[in-house]
Amino acid sequence: MKWKAIVAATVFAGVAFGSVIAADGTHDSRIAVMKKVGGAAGALGAIAKGDKPYDADVVKAALQTIAENAKAFPEHFGPNSDKTDAEVNPKIWDNFDDFKAKAAKLSNNAEVALAQLPADQAGVGATLKTLGSDCGACHQAYRIKKD
């Protein structure tokens, strides 16, 4: 049981550390945030696929990570941020309200899932489908995929 507490503490520490990292709008700061979201989604995906057993503490930590990082993500795209990032579509700055709305939708859906914590593998899968759709909508509009 101690490993669950360690996993949860590590995820929460990562979120806290991410908040300390300045939202300087560099490629590295953006990647750090997306890696946190990706890691959390991966933890949920492992449960949804049955690769890992359902664990409420892991699900809570993952949803909290997604909610907090999605909410903060637009801060990494301020007017003085690095606009030469090869993976970032310049349309972000032209459609910043839409970009912020997409990030807020992901954060809100993660918060709703956290409040109504999925109780089993199927519930985690359904939640992940919703969150994945939110991620995909933003990536389709504002991410330039590297080859």
C-alpha atoms as a PDB file:
ATOM      1  CA  MET A   1       0.000   0.000   0.000  1.00  0.00           C
ATOM      2  CA  LYS A   2       2.913   2.371   0.536  1.00  0.00           C
ATOM      3  CA  TRP A   3       3.664   2.406  -3.179  1.00  0.00           C
ATOM      4  CA  LYS A   4       0.254   3.966  -3.825  1.00  0.00           C
ATOM      5  CA  ALA A   5       1.095   6.821  -1.487  1.00  0.00           C
ATOM      6  CA  ILE A   6       4.484   7.198  -3.158  1.00  0.00           C
ATOM      7  CA  VAL A   7       2.907   7.315  -6.638  1.00  0.00           C
ATOM      8  CA  ALA A   8       0.329   9.867  -5.516  1.00  0.00           C
ATOM      9  CA  ALA A   9       2.965  11.980  -3.764  1.00  0.00           C
ATOM     10  CA  THR A  10       5.210  11.869  -6.824  1.00  0.00           C
ATOM     11  CA  VAL A  11       2.412  12.995  -9.134  1.00  0.00           C
ATOM     12  CA  PHE A  12       1.392  15.806  -6.803  1.00  0.00           C
ATOM     13  CA  ALA A  13       5.029  16.871  -6.375  1.00  0.00           C
ATOM     14  CA  GLY A  14       5.372  16.961 -10.155  1.00  0.00           C
ATOM     15  CA  VAL A  15       2.334  19.203 -10.400  1.00  0.00           C
ATOM     16  CA  ALA A  16       3.685  21.469  -7.672  1.00  0.00           C
ATOM     17  CA  PHE A  17       7.107  21.609  -9.304  1.00  0.00           C
ATOM     18  CA  GLY A  18       5.465  22.379 -12.627  1.00  0.00           C
ATOM     19  CA  SER A  19       3.754  25.330 -11.009  1.00  0.00           C
ATOM     20  CA  VAL A  20       7.113  26.586  -9.792  1.00  0.00           C
ATOM     21  CA  ILE A  21       8.622  26.368 -13.282  1.00  0.00           C
ATOM     22  CA  ALA A  22       8.030  29.750 -14.782  1.00  0.00           C
ATOM     23  CA  ALA A  23       5.415  29.838 -17.476  1.00  0.00           C
ATOM     24  CA  ASP A  24       8.068  31.342 -19.673  1.00  0.00           C
ATOM     25  CA  GLY A  25       6.547  30.131 -22.907  1.00  0.00           C
ATOM     26  CA  THR A  26       9.566  28.192 -24.073  1.00  0.00           C
ATOM     27  CA  HIS A  27       9.525  24.917 -25.912  1.00  0.00           C
ATOM     28  CA  ASP A  28      10.927  23.200 -22.818  1.00  0.00           C
ATOM     29  CA  SER A  29       8.276  24.596 -20.470  1.00  0.00           C
ATOM     30  CA  ARG A  30       5.499  23.514 -22.824  1.00  0.00           C
ATOM     31  CA  ILE A  31       6.946  20.046 -23.253  1.00  0.00           C
ATOM     32  CA  ALA A  32       7.277  19.657 -19.471  1.00  0.00           C
ATOM     33  CA  VAL A  33       3.571  20.360 -19.034  1.00  0.00           C
ATOM     34  CA  MET A  34       2.537  18.072 -21.887  1.00  0.00           C
ATOM     35  CA  LYS A  35       4.713  15.257 -20.495  1.00  0.00           C
ATOM     36  CA  LYS A  36       2.845  15.510 -17.204  1.00  0.00           C
ATOM     37  CA  VAL A  37      -0.487  15.324 -18.998  1.00  0.00           C
ATOM     38  CA  GLY A  38       0.759  12.490 -21.187  1.00  0.00           C
ATOM     39  CA  GLY A  39       2.052  10.552 -18.195  1.00  0.00           C
ATOM     40  CA  ALA A  40      -1.256  10.943 -16.406  1.00  0.00           C
ATOM     41  CA  ALA A  41      -3.168   9.868 -19.519  1.00  0.00           C
ATOM     42  CA  GLY A  42      -0.823   6.903 -19.819  1.00  0.00           C
ATOM     43  CA  ALA A  43      -1.607   5.855 -16.258  1.00  0.00           C
ATOM     44  CA  LEU A  44      -5.316   6.038 -17.040  1.00  0.00           C
ATOM     45  CA  GLY A  45      -4.784   4.193 -20.316  1.00  0.00           C
ATOM     46  CA  ALA A  46      -2.991   1.334 -18.573  1.00  0.00           C
ATOM     47  CA  ILE A  47      -5.988   0.900 -16.283  1.00  0.00           C
ATOM     48  CA  ALA A  48      -8.496   1.242 -19.123  1.00  0.00           C
ATOM     49  CA  LYS A  49      -6.668  -1.424 -21.161  1.00  0.00           C
ATOM     50  CA  GLY A  50      -6.379  -3.746 -18.187  1.00  0.00           C
ATOM     51  CA  ASP A  51      -2.577  -3.593 -18.184  1.00  0.00           C
ATOM     52  CA  LYS A  52      -2.745  -2.272 -14.611  1.00  0.00           C
ATOM     53  CA  PRO A  53      -5.403  -2.989 -12.015  1.00  0.00           C
ATOM     54  CA  TYR A  54      -7.923  -0.297 -11.122  1.00  0.00           C
ATOM     55  CA  ASP A  55      -6.524   1.883  -8.362  1.00  0.00           C
ATOM     56  CA  ALA A  56      -8.576   4.841  -7.163  1.00  0.00           C
ATOM     57  CA  ASP A  57      -5.490   6.673  -5.862  1.00  0.00           C
ATOM     58  CA  VAL A  58      -3.769   6.450  -9.252  1.00  0.00           C
ATOM     59  CA  VAL A  59      -6.942   7.574 -11.042  1.00  0.00           C
ATOM     60  CA  LYS A  60      -7.369  10.539  -8.676  1.00  0.00           C
ATOM     61  CA  ALA A  61      -3.747  11.592  -9.054  1.00  0.00           C
ATOM     62  CA  ALA A  62      -3.882  11.320 -12.850  1.00  0.00           C
ATOM     63  CA  LEU A  63      -7.104  13.308 -13.143  1.00  0.00           C
ATOM     64  CA  GLN A  64      -5.758  15.975 -10.778  1.00  0.00           C
ATOM     65  CA  THR A  65      -2.581  16.243 -12.861  1.00  0.00           C
ATOM     66  CA  ILE A  66      -4.552  16.639 -16.088  1.00  0.00           C
ATOM     67  CA  ALA A  67      -6.947  19.186 -14.577  1.00  0.00           C
ATOM     68  CA  GLU A  68      -4.236  21.381 -13.090  1.00  0.00           C
ATOM     69  CA  ASN A  69      -1.857  21.277 -16.036  1.00  0.00           C
ATOM     70  CA  ALA A  70      -4.548  21.845 -18.661  1.00  0.00           C
ATOM     71  CA  LYS A  71      -5.776  24.852 -16.716  1.00  0.00           C
ATOM     72  CA  ALA A  72      -2.257  26.333 -16.563  1.00  0.00           C
ATOM     73  CA  PHE A  73      -1.171  25.411 -20.090  1.00  0.00           C
ATOM     74  CA  PRO A  74      -2.315  28.620 -21.835  1.00  0.00           C
ATOM     75  CA  GLU A  75       0.002  30.594 -19.523  1.00  0.00           C
ATOM     76  CA  HIS A  76       2.867  29.131 -21.549  1.00  0.00           C
ATOM     77  CA  PHE A  77       1.654  30.974 -24.648  1.00  0.00           C
ATOM     78  CA  GLY A  78       1.667  34.581 -23.507  1.00  0.00           C
ATOM     79  CA  PRO A  79       2.348  37.458 -25.881  1.00  0.00           C
ATOM     80  CA  ASN A  80       6.081  37.406 -25.065  1.00  0.00           C
ATOM     81  CA  SER A  81       6.497  33.656 -25.343  1.00  0.00           C
ATOM     82  CA  ASP A  82       8.596  31.799 -27.884  1.00  0.00           C
ATOM     83  CA  LYS A  83       6.592  31.860 -31.108  1.00  0.00           C
ATOM     84  CA  THR A  84       9.233  30.026 -33.133  1.00  0.00           C
ATOM     85  CA  ASP A  85       8.505  26.622 -31.579  1.00  0.00           C
ATOM     86  CA  ALA A  86       8.285  24.226 -34.531  1.00  0.00           C
ATOM     87  CA  GLU A  87       5.479  22.186 -32.949  1.00  0.00           C
ATOM     88  CA  VAL A  88       3.229  25.138 -32.205  1.00  0.00           C
ATOM     89  CA  ASN A  89       0.863  26.408 -34.839  1.00  0.00           C
ATOM     90  CA  PRO A  90       1.017  30.221 -34.894  1.00  0.00           C
ATOM     91  CA  LYS A  91      -2.798  30.194 -35.071  1.00  0.00           C
ATOM     92  CA  ILE A  92      -2.739  29.873 -31.271  1.00  0.00           C
ATOM     93  CA  TRP A  93      -2.026  33.567 -30.914  1.00  0.00           C
ATOM     94  CA  ASP A  94      -4.616  34.494 -33.552  1.00  0.00           C
ATOM     95  CA  ASN A  95      -7.288  32.343 -31.864  1.00  0.00           C
ATOM     96  CA  PHE A  96      -6.126  32.561 -28.276  1.00  0.00           C
ATOM     97  CA  ASP A  97      -9.645  32.598 -26.803  1.00  0.00           C
ATOM     98  CA  ASP A  98     -10.452  29.345 -28.600  1.00  0.00           C
ATOM     99  CA  PHE A  99      -7.153  27.834 -27.465  1.00  0.00           C
ATOM    100  CA  LYS A 100      -7.889  28.808 -23.861  1.00  0.00           C
ATOM    101  CA  ALA A 101     -11.425  27.426 -24.166  1.00  0.00           C
ATOM    102  CA  LYS A 102     -10.099  24.070 -25.382  1.00  0.00           C
ATOM    103  CA  ALA A 103      -7.644  23.883 -22.477  1.00  0.00           C
ATOM    104  CA  ALA A 104     -10.404  24.874 -20.041  1.00  0.00           C
ATOM    105  CA  LYS A 105     -12.693  22.173 -21.448  1.00  0.00           C
ATOM    106  CA  LEU A 106     -10.039  19.522 -20.844  1.00  0.00           C
ATOM    107  CA  SER A 107      -9.439  20.832 -17.333  1.00  0.00           C
ATOM    108  CA  ASN A 108     -13.163  21.005 -16.544  1.00  0.00           C
ATOM    109  CA  ASN A 109     -13.816  17.504 -17.858  1.00  0.00           C
ATOM    110  CA  ALA A 110     -10.938  16.174 -15.758  1.00  0.00           C
ATOM    111  CA  GLU A 111     -12.363  17.963 -12.698  1.00  0.00           C
ATOM    112  CA  VAL A 112     -15.828  16.506 -13.354  1.00  0.00           C
ATOM    113  CA  ALA A 113     -14.308  13.042 -13.672  1.00  0.00           C
ATOM    114  CA  LEU A 114     -12.409  13.608 -10.452  1.00  0.00           C
ATOM    115  CA  ALA A 115     -15.597  14.621  -8.636  1.00  0.00           C
ATOM    116  CA  GLN A 116     -17.453  11.589 -10.023  1.00  0.00           C
ATOM    117  CA  LEU A 117     -14.444   9.302  -9.747  1.00  0.00           C
ATOM    118  CA  PRO A 118     -14.663   6.401 -12.199  1.00  0.00           C
ATOM    119  CA  ALA A 119     -15.237   3.284 -10.090  1.00  0.00           C
ATOM    120  CA  ASP A 120     -13.788   0.651 -12.398  1.00  0.00           C
ATOM    121  CA  GLN A 121     -11.840  -0.106 -15.558  1.00  0.00           C
ATOM    122  CA  ALA A 122     -14.800   0.665 -17.838  1.00  0.00           C
ATOM    123  CA  GLY A 123     -15.393   4.006 -16.145  1.00  0.00           C
ATOM    124  CA  VAL A 124     -11.743   4.937 -16.575  1.00  0.00           C
ATOM    125  CA  GLY A 125     -11.984   3.981 -20.251  1.00  0.00           C
ATOM    126  CA  ALA A 126     -15.035   6.183 -20.775  1.00  0.00           C
ATOM    127  CA  THR A 127     -13.338   9.073 -18.987  1.00  0.00           C
ATOM    128  CA  LEU A 128     -10.201   8.633 -21.040  1.00  0.00           C
ATOM    129  CA  LYS A 129     -12.271   8.700 -24.235  1.00  0.00           C
ATOM    130  CA  THR A 130     -13.717  12.084 -23.246  1.00  0.00           C
ATOM    131  CA  LEU A 131     -10.368  13.523 -22.209  1.00  0.00           C
ATOM    132  CA  GLY A 132      -8.691  12.132 -25.321  1.00  0.00           C
ATOM    133  CA  SER A 133     -11.265  13.852 -27.480  1.00  0.00           C
ATOM    134  CA  ASP A 134     -10.502  17.135 -25.718  1.00  0.00           C
ATOM    135  CA  CYS A 135      -6.758  16.664 -26.244  1.00  0.00           C
ATOM    136  CA  GLY A 136      -7.278  15.741 -29.888  1.00  0.00           C
ATOM    137  CA  ALA A 137      -9.390  18.810 -30.609  1.00  0.00           C
ATOM    138  CA  CYS A 138      -6.617  21.095 -29.436  1.00  0.00           C
ATOM    139  CA  HIS A 139      -3.846  19.118 -31.099  1.00  0.00           C
ATOM    140  CA  GLN A 140      -5.681  19.115 -34.442  1.00  0.00           C
ATOM    141  CA  ALA A 141      -6.151  22.854 -34.335  1.00  0.00           C
ATOM    142  CA  TYR A 142      -2.924  24.042 -32.729  1.00  0.00           C
ATOM    143  CA  ARG A 143      -0.158  21.469 -32.889  1.00  0.00           C
ATOM    144  CA  ILE A 144       2.177  20.902 -35.803  1.00  0.00           C
ATOM    145  CA  LYS A 145       3.137  17.269 -35.716  1.00  0.00           C
ATOM    146  CA  LYS A 146       6.820  16.566 -36.137  1.00  0.00           C
ATOM    147  CA  ASP A 147       7.800  13.829 -38.570  1.00  0.00           C
END
